[in-house]
Amino acid sequence: MKKARDYNDPKMFEPIDKEEAQIMAELEQYVSVSKKEFERINQEFKTAAKNTLKKTTRTNIRISQADLEGLKLIAAQE
């Protein structure tokens, strides 16, 4: 039978190793924001992402068939 967890026990939240201690320390720097502020920031990032992915310029290049096949092979592998 499993023992019930006591979330009031301070030992429950002690890091197990150095890596976990570092992660916990880094998490303390984050702050909570209001839902309205979160939505504003989220929309700002969405707009930035869309603008980054916009393709506004068309370019034509001429390459050999062998080079094209090589590029297609590399693209398929990635």
Protein backbone atom coordinates (compact mmCIF):
# COMPACT_ATOMS: atom_id res chain seq x y z
CA MET A 1 0.00 0.00 0.00
CA LYS A 2 1.38 3.42 -1.01
CA LYS A 3 2.02 6.04 1.61
CA ALA A 4 0.07 9.28 1.10
CA ARG A 5 2.22 12.25 0.12
CA ASP A 6 2.47 15.04 2.64
CA TYR A 7 2.70 18.23 0.57
CA ASN A 8 3.21 20.26 3.75
CA ASP A 9 6.51 18.49 4.40
CA PRO A 10 9.36 20.89 3.39
CA LYS A 11 11.59 17.92 2.49
CA MET A 12 9.13 17.15 -0.30
CA PHE A 13 10.39 20.16 -2.25
CA GLU A 14 14.14 19.82 -1.72
CA PRO A 15 16.08 19.19 -4.92
CA ILE A 16 17.43 15.69 -5.44
CA ASP A 17 20.61 16.73 -7.23
CA LYS A 18 22.55 19.76 -8.50
CA GLU A 19 20.76 19.80 -11.85
CA GLU A 20 17.34 19.89 -10.23
CA ALA A 21 18.54 22.61 -7.83
CA GLN A 22 19.66 24.71 -10.81
CA ILE A 23 16.31 24.23 -12.55
CA MET A 24 14.44 25.23 -9.39
CA ALA A 25 16.61 28.33 -8.99
CA GLU A 26 15.99 29.36 -12.61
CA LEU A 27 12.23 28.92 -12.21
CA GLU A 28 12.19 31.47 -9.40
CA GLN A 29 13.05 34.24 -11.86
CA TYR A 30 9.74 33.86 -13.70
CA VAL A 31 6.85 36.08 -12.71
CA SER A 32 3.17 35.63 -13.22
CA VAL A 33 1.27 38.08 -15.40
CA SER A 34 -2.40 38.87 -15.74
CA LYS A 35 -4.40 37.01 -18.35
CA LYS A 36 -4.79 40.24 -20.35
CA GLU A 37 -1.01 40.82 -20.35
CA PHE A 38 -0.39 37.18 -21.28
CA GLU A 39 -2.75 37.46 -24.26
CA ARG A 40 -1.00 40.65 -25.41
CA ILE A 41 2.45 39.03 -25.22
CA ASN A 42 1.15 35.86 -26.88
CA GLN A 43 -0.33 37.87 -29.77
CA GLU A 44 2.94 39.78 -30.14
CA PHE A 45 4.88 36.52 -30.49
CA LYS A 46 2.35 35.10 -32.96
CA THR A 47 2.66 38.21 -35.12
CA ALA A 48 6.46 38.01 -35.00
CA ALA A 49 6.34 34.34 -36.02
CA LYS A 50 4.02 35.06 -38.95
CA ASN A 51 6.22 37.93 -40.13
CA THR A 52 9.30 35.73 -39.93
CA LEU A 53 7.70 33.07 -42.09
CA LYS A 54 6.35 35.46 -44.73
CA LYS A 55 7.73 34.83 -48.16
CA THR A 56 7.61 38.14 -50.01
CA THR A 57 10.35 37.75 -52.61
CA ARG A 58 10.51 35.36 -55.53
CA THR A 59 13.90 34.35 -56.84
CA ASN A 60 14.72 32.22 -59.87
CA ILE A 61 18.03 30.40 -60.14
CA ARG A 62 19.37 28.01 -62.71
CA ILE A 63 21.27 24.95 -61.46
CA SER A 64 22.23 21.65 -63.01
CA GLN A 65 19.92 18.66 -62.72
CA ALA A 66 22.53 16.80 -60.66
CA ASP A 67 22.75 19.65 -58.14
CA LEU A 68 18.94 19.79 -57.91
CA GLU A 69 18.74 16.05 -57.23
CA GLY A 70 21.46 16.41 -54.59
CA LEU A 71 19.57 19.23 -52.86
CA LYS A 72 16.34 17.19 -52.92
CA LEU A 73 18.18 14.25 -51.35
CA ILE A 74 19.61 16.44 -48.58
CA ALA A 75 16.18 18.00 -47.95
CA ALA A 76 14.54 14.57 -47.73
CA GLN A 77 17.14 13.39 -45.22
CA GLU A 78 16.66 16.46 -43.01
